[in-house]
Amino acid sequence: MISVNSIINIKLPKIQELTIAQIAALEQTAEALHTEVVQAQVIPFDDPQVTEEKVYGKRGRFSKNGKEYKGKIRKKVVHGGGHLQNDSTFVDYSQSGKGKVTLVSNTPYARRLYFHPEYHFDTGENPHARGRWYEDWLPGGSKEKFCQKTYKEIYRRLTGL
């Protein structure tokens, strides 16, 4: 008859350390994806706003009809500043302990812009601006392995494996 004995030593602090590293790697991967999307310049900036301002001439100037020059209205294009890309898109870590992080755009127009790629987006600030801007990083896209590779690299760096 054969007798086999096994001794298993479970190092709970090491398992806890690996679990914490998983959560940290997940959060850092989400931040890396957010940075990658911003650097790819695919999120549309706000629509440019046209403002009108009155420009006055020197006092005592006269127009062609002999009346004193009162000034003219000049239109000025002011860009919105990229609120969707810079201020309103962020990573939500609230459920990172459960293995879920979310990239959130919390403006009322983000959904409309994302799901309507037929719009003509202003490409002055972001030359590749379009609808469905996460499409390259989703399954079937050109950069679909980005998150997997980034998570793997970050996890290895954090754990020393």
C-alpha atoms as a PDB file:
ATOM      1  CA  MET A   1       0.000   0.000   0.000  1.00  0.00           C
ATOM      2  CA  ILE A   2       1.238   3.470  -0.882  1.00  0.00           C
ATOM      3  CA  SER A   3       1.044   6.278   1.613  1.00  0.00           C
ATOM      4  CA  VAL A   4       1.315   9.918   0.550  1.00  0.00           C
ATOM      5  CA  ASN A   5       1.638  12.933   2.813  1.00  0.00           C
ATOM      6  CA  SER A   6       1.374  16.525   1.643  1.00  0.00           C
ATOM      7  CA  ILE A   7       2.011  19.733   3.504  1.00  0.00           C
ATOM      8  CA  ILE A   8       0.538  22.925   2.107  1.00  0.00           C
ATOM      9  CA  ASN A   9       1.634  26.265   3.468  1.00  0.00           C
ATOM     10  CA  ILE A  10      -0.748  29.053   2.583  1.00  0.00           C
ATOM     11  CA  LYS A  11       0.775  32.492   2.935  1.00  0.00           C
ATOM     12  CA  LEU A  12      -2.259  34.691   3.451  1.00  0.00           C
ATOM     13  CA  PRO A  13      -0.299  37.975   3.547  1.00  0.00           C
ATOM     14  CA  LYS A  14       1.144  37.221   0.096  1.00  0.00           C
ATOM     15  CA  ILE A  15      -2.323  36.380  -1.280  1.00  0.00           C
ATOM     16  CA  GLN A  16      -3.644  39.642   0.179  1.00  0.00           C
ATOM     17  CA  GLU A  17      -0.738  41.520  -1.430  1.00  0.00           C
ATOM     18  CA  LEU A  18      -1.537  39.970  -4.830  1.00  0.00           C
ATOM     19  CA  THR A  19      -5.220  40.871  -4.453  1.00  0.00           C
ATOM     20  CA  ILE A  20      -4.364  44.499  -3.676  1.00  0.00           C
ATOM     21  CA  ALA A  21      -2.024  44.533  -6.673  1.00  0.00           C
ATOM     22  CA  GLN A  22      -4.876  43.319  -8.910  1.00  0.00           C
ATOM     23  CA  ILE A  23      -7.070  46.215  -7.851  1.00  0.00           C
ATOM     24  CA  ALA A  24      -4.264  48.759  -8.270  1.00  0.00           C
ATOM     25  CA  ALA A  25      -3.381  47.350 -11.703  1.00  0.00           C
ATOM     26  CA  LEU A  26      -7.037  47.562 -12.765  1.00  0.00           C
ATOM     27  CA  GLU A  27      -7.284  51.219 -11.702  1.00  0.00           C
ATOM     28  CA  GLN A  28      -4.003  52.136 -13.401  1.00  0.00           C
ATOM     29  CA  THR A  29      -5.082  50.330 -16.582  1.00  0.00           C
ATOM     30  CA  ALA A  30      -8.282  52.395 -16.680  1.00  0.00           C
ATOM     31  CA  GLU A  31      -6.240  55.586 -16.265  1.00  0.00           C
ATOM     32  CA  ALA A  32      -3.898  54.437 -19.048  1.00  0.00           C
ATOM     33  CA  LEU A  33      -6.897  53.827 -21.332  1.00  0.00           C
ATOM     34  CA  HIS A  34      -8.266  57.300 -20.547  1.00  0.00           C
ATOM     35  CA  THR A  35      -4.878  58.850 -21.329  1.00  0.00           C
ATOM     36  CA  GLU A  36      -4.575  56.810 -24.531  1.00  0.00           C
ATOM     37  CA  VAL A  37      -8.002  57.957 -25.767  1.00  0.00           C
ATOM     38  CA  VAL A  38      -7.233  61.616 -24.999  1.00  0.00           C
ATOM     39  CA  GLN A  39      -3.861  61.392 -26.774  1.00  0.00           C
ATOM     40  CA  ALA A  40      -5.473  59.735 -29.798  1.00  0.00           C
ATOM     41  CA  GLN A  41      -7.534  62.949 -30.151  1.00  0.00           C
ATOM     42  CA  VAL A  42     -10.776  61.184 -31.037  1.00  0.00           C
ATOM     43  CA  ILE A  43     -13.118  62.792 -28.483  1.00  0.00           C
ATOM     44  CA  PRO A  44     -14.861  65.828 -29.974  1.00  0.00           C
ATOM     45  CA  PHE A  45     -14.327  69.211 -28.354  1.00  0.00           C
ATOM     46  CA  ASP A  46     -17.287  71.399 -27.549  1.00  0.00           C
ATOM     47  CA  ASP A  47     -18.906  73.083 -30.490  1.00  0.00           C
ATOM     48  CA  PRO A  48     -17.288  76.439 -31.163  1.00  0.00           C
ATOM     49  CA  GLN A  49     -19.330  79.384 -29.946  1.00  0.00           C
ATOM     50  CA  VAL A  50     -19.665  82.477 -32.087  1.00  0.00           C
ATOM     51  CA  THR A  51     -19.750  85.669 -30.063  1.00  0.00           C
ATOM     52  CA  GLU A  52     -20.438  89.117 -31.371  1.00  0.00           C
ATOM     53  CA  GLU A  53     -18.607  92.162 -30.078  1.00  0.00           C
ATOM     54  CA  LYS A  54     -18.936  95.757 -31.081  1.00  0.00           C
ATOM     55  CA  VAL A  55     -15.702  97.383 -32.211  1.00  0.00           C
ATOM     56  CA  TYR A  56     -15.593 101.144 -31.997  1.00  0.00           C
ATOM     57  CA  GLY A  57     -13.494 103.368 -34.207  1.00  0.00           C
ATOM     58  CA  LYS A  58     -11.767 106.614 -33.308  1.00  0.00           C
ATOM     59  CA  ARG A  59     -14.040 109.443 -32.354  1.00  0.00           C
ATOM     60  CA  GLY A  60     -14.659 111.931 -35.097  1.00  0.00           C
ATOM     61  CA  ARG A  61     -14.397 109.424 -37.982  1.00  0.00           C
ATOM     62  CA  PHE A  62     -17.139 109.593 -40.536  1.00  0.00           C
ATOM     63  CA  SER A  63     -18.575 106.904 -42.755  1.00  0.00           C
ATOM     64  CA  LYS A  64     -19.263 107.277 -46.475  1.00  0.00           C
ATOM     65  CA  ASN A  65     -22.734 108.697 -45.947  1.00  0.00           C
ATOM     66  CA  GLY A  66     -21.429 111.522 -43.778  1.00  0.00           C
ATOM     67  CA  LYS A  67     -22.665 110.199 -40.434  1.00  0.00           C
ATOM     68  CA  GLU A  68     -20.314 109.699 -37.533  1.00  0.00           C
ATOM     69  CA  TYR A  69     -18.843 106.214 -37.284  1.00  0.00           C
ATOM     70  CA  LYS A  70     -20.586 104.371 -34.444  1.00  0.00           C
ATOM     71  CA  GLY A  71     -18.679 101.098 -34.682  1.00  0.00           C
ATOM     72  CA  LYS A  72     -19.334  97.733 -36.241  1.00  0.00           C
ATOM     73  CA  ILE A  73     -20.116  94.261 -35.010  1.00  0.00           C
ATOM     74  CA  ARG A  74     -17.366  91.706 -35.424  1.00  0.00           C
ATOM     75  CA  LYS A  75     -17.963  87.966 -34.996  1.00  0.00           C
ATOM     76  CA  LYS A  76     -15.429  86.023 -32.981  1.00  0.00           C
ATOM     77  CA  VAL A  77     -15.180  82.219 -32.777  1.00  0.00           C
ATOM     78  CA  VAL A  78     -14.466  80.935 -29.275  1.00  0.00           C
ATOM     79  CA  HIS A  79     -13.776  77.233 -28.753  1.00  0.00           C
ATOM     80  CA  GLY A  80     -15.601  75.567 -25.892  1.00  0.00           C
ATOM     81  CA  GLY A  81     -12.423  74.359 -24.214  1.00  0.00           C
ATOM     82  CA  GLY A  82     -12.884  70.602 -24.422  1.00  0.00           C
ATOM     83  CA  HIS A  83     -15.131  70.057 -21.439  1.00  0.00           C
ATOM     84  CA  LEU A  84     -16.142  66.598 -22.631  1.00  0.00           C
ATOM     85  CA  GLN A  85     -12.560  65.423 -23.030  1.00  0.00           C
ATOM     86  CA  ASN A  86     -10.801  67.270 -20.223  1.00  0.00           C
ATOM     87  CA  ASP A  87     -13.266  67.983 -17.429  1.00  0.00           C
ATOM     88  CA  SER A  88     -16.239  65.669 -17.891  1.00  0.00           C
ATOM     89  CA  THR A  89     -14.586  62.344 -18.708  1.00  0.00           C
ATOM     90  CA  PHE A  90     -13.041  60.536 -15.759  1.00  0.00           C
ATOM     91  CA  VAL A  91     -12.427  57.064 -14.322  1.00  0.00           C
ATOM     92  CA  ASP A  92     -14.885  55.865 -11.672  1.00  0.00           C
ATOM     93  CA  TYR A  93     -13.111  53.676  -9.092  1.00  0.00           C
ATOM     94  CA  SER A  94     -16.109  53.109  -6.800  1.00  0.00           C
ATOM     95  CA  GLN A  95     -16.390  49.387  -7.664  1.00  0.00           C
ATOM     96  CA  SER A  96     -12.722  48.609  -8.242  1.00  0.00           C
ATOM     97  CA  GLY A  97     -12.741  46.219  -5.266  1.00  0.00           C
ATOM     98  CA  LYS A  98     -15.293  44.118  -7.173  1.00  0.00           C
ATOM     99  CA  GLY A  99     -13.167  44.143 -10.320  1.00  0.00           C
ATOM    100  CA  LYS A 100     -15.020  46.864 -12.205  1.00  0.00           C
ATOM    101  CA  VAL A 101     -13.910  50.353 -13.187  1.00  0.00           C
ATOM    102  CA  THR A 102     -15.831  52.641 -15.497  1.00  0.00           C
ATOM    103  CA  LEU A 103     -14.809  55.398 -17.881  1.00  0.00           C
ATOM    104  CA  VAL A 104     -17.556  58.009 -17.445  1.00  0.00           C
ATOM    105  CA  SER A 105     -18.527  61.048 -19.507  1.00  0.00           C
ATOM    106  CA  ASN A 106     -21.052  62.925 -17.392  1.00  0.00           C
ATOM    107  CA  THR A 107     -22.335  65.594 -19.749  1.00  0.00           C
ATOM    108  CA  PRO A 108     -25.877  65.525 -21.122  1.00  0.00           C
ATOM    109  CA  TYR A 109     -24.648  65.659 -24.715  1.00  0.00           C
ATOM    110  CA  ALA A 110     -22.000  62.907 -24.504  1.00  0.00           C
ATOM    111  CA  ARG A 111     -24.439  60.112 -25.403  1.00  0.00           C
ATOM    112  CA  ARG A 112     -25.824  62.088 -28.359  1.00  0.00           C
ATOM    113  CA  LEU A 113     -22.328  62.753 -29.724  1.00  0.00           C
ATOM    114  CA  TYR A 114     -21.113  59.184 -29.160  1.00  0.00           C
ATOM    115  CA  PHE A 115     -24.009  57.377 -30.850  1.00  0.00           C
ATOM    116  CA  HIS A 116     -24.322  59.734 -33.838  1.00  0.00           C
ATOM    117  CA  PRO A 117     -21.156  59.445 -35.926  1.00  0.00           C
ATOM    118  CA  GLU A 118     -22.907  61.171 -38.843  1.00  0.00           C
ATOM    119  CA  TYR A 119     -22.427  64.571 -37.198  1.00  0.00           C
ATOM    120  CA  HIS A 120     -19.789  66.839 -38.688  1.00  0.00           C
ATOM    121  CA  PHE A 121     -17.420  67.302 -35.762  1.00  0.00           C
ATOM    122  CA  ASP A 122     -15.132  70.290 -35.394  1.00  0.00           C
ATOM    123  CA  THR A 123     -11.628  68.959 -36.067  1.00  0.00           C
ATOM    124  CA  GLY A 124      -9.803  72.159 -35.191  1.00  0.00           C
ATOM    125  CA  GLU A 125      -8.587  70.975 -31.774  1.00  0.00           C
ATOM    126  CA  ASN A 126      -8.796  67.192 -32.214  1.00  0.00           C
ATOM    127  CA  PRO A 127      -8.083  66.221 -35.829  1.00  0.00           C
ATOM    128  CA  HIS A 128      -9.533  62.701 -35.451  1.00  0.00           C
ATOM    129  CA  ALA A 129     -12.734  63.721 -33.617  1.00  0.00           C
ATOM    130  CA  ARG A 130     -15.673  61.444 -34.361  1.00  0.00           C
ATOM    131  CA  GLY A 131     -18.578  59.612 -32.845  1.00  0.00           C
ATOM    132  CA  ARG A 132     -18.026  56.191 -31.236  1.00  0.00           C
ATOM    133  CA  TRP A 133     -14.577  57.273 -30.124  1.00  0.00           C
ATOM    134  CA  TYR A 134     -13.948  54.101 -28.046  1.00  0.00           C
ATOM    135  CA  GLU A 135     -14.463  51.855 -31.066  1.00  0.00           C
ATOM    136  CA  ASP A 136     -10.736  51.219 -31.625  1.00  0.00           C
ATOM    137  CA  TRP A 137     -10.315  49.832 -28.084  1.00  0.00           C
ATOM    138  CA  LEU A 138     -13.413  47.594 -28.159  1.00  0.00           C
ATOM    139  CA  PRO A 139     -13.341  43.969 -29.425  1.00  0.00           C
ATOM    140  CA  GLY A 140     -12.735  43.988 -33.164  1.00  0.00           C
ATOM    141  CA  GLY A 141     -10.978  47.362 -33.088  1.00  0.00           C
ATOM    142  CA  SER A 142      -7.408  48.082 -34.081  1.00  0.00           C
ATOM    143  CA  LYS A 143      -6.251  48.468 -30.447  1.00  0.00           C
ATOM    144  CA  GLU A 144      -8.425  45.802 -28.805  1.00  0.00           C
ATOM    145  CA  LYS A 145      -5.495  44.197 -26.903  1.00  0.00           C
ATOM    146  CA  PHE A 146      -4.353  47.494 -25.336  1.00  0.00           C
ATOM    147  CA  CYS A 147      -6.046  46.966 -21.961  1.00  0.00           C
ATOM    148  CA  GLN A 148      -4.931  43.340 -21.646  1.00  0.00           C
ATOM    149  CA  LYS A 149      -1.298  44.167 -22.405  1.00  0.00           C
ATOM    150  CA  THR A 150      -1.307  47.220 -20.149  1.00  0.00           C
ATOM    151  CA  TYR A 151      -2.875  45.320 -17.239  1.00  0.00           C
ATOM    152  CA  LYS A 152      -0.346  42.523 -17.632  1.00  0.00           C
ATOM    153  CA  GLU A 153       2.607  44.945 -17.606  1.00  0.00           C
ATOM    154  CA  ILE A 154       1.312  46.930 -14.629  1.00  0.00           C
ATOM    155  CA  TYR A 155       0.482  43.795 -12.602  1.00  0.00           C
ATOM    156  CA  ARG A 156       3.925  42.350 -13.232  1.00  0.00           C
ATOM    157  CA  ARG A 157       5.551  45.618 -12.206  1.00  0.00           C
ATOM    158  CA  LEU A 158       3.503  45.874  -8.998  1.00  0.00           C
ATOM    159  CA  THR A 159       4.024  42.269  -7.908  1.00  0.00           C
ATOM    160  CA  GLY A 160       7.563  41.770  -9.107  1.00  0.00           C
ATOM    161  CA  LEU A 161       6.667  38.622 -11.047  1.00  0.00           C
END
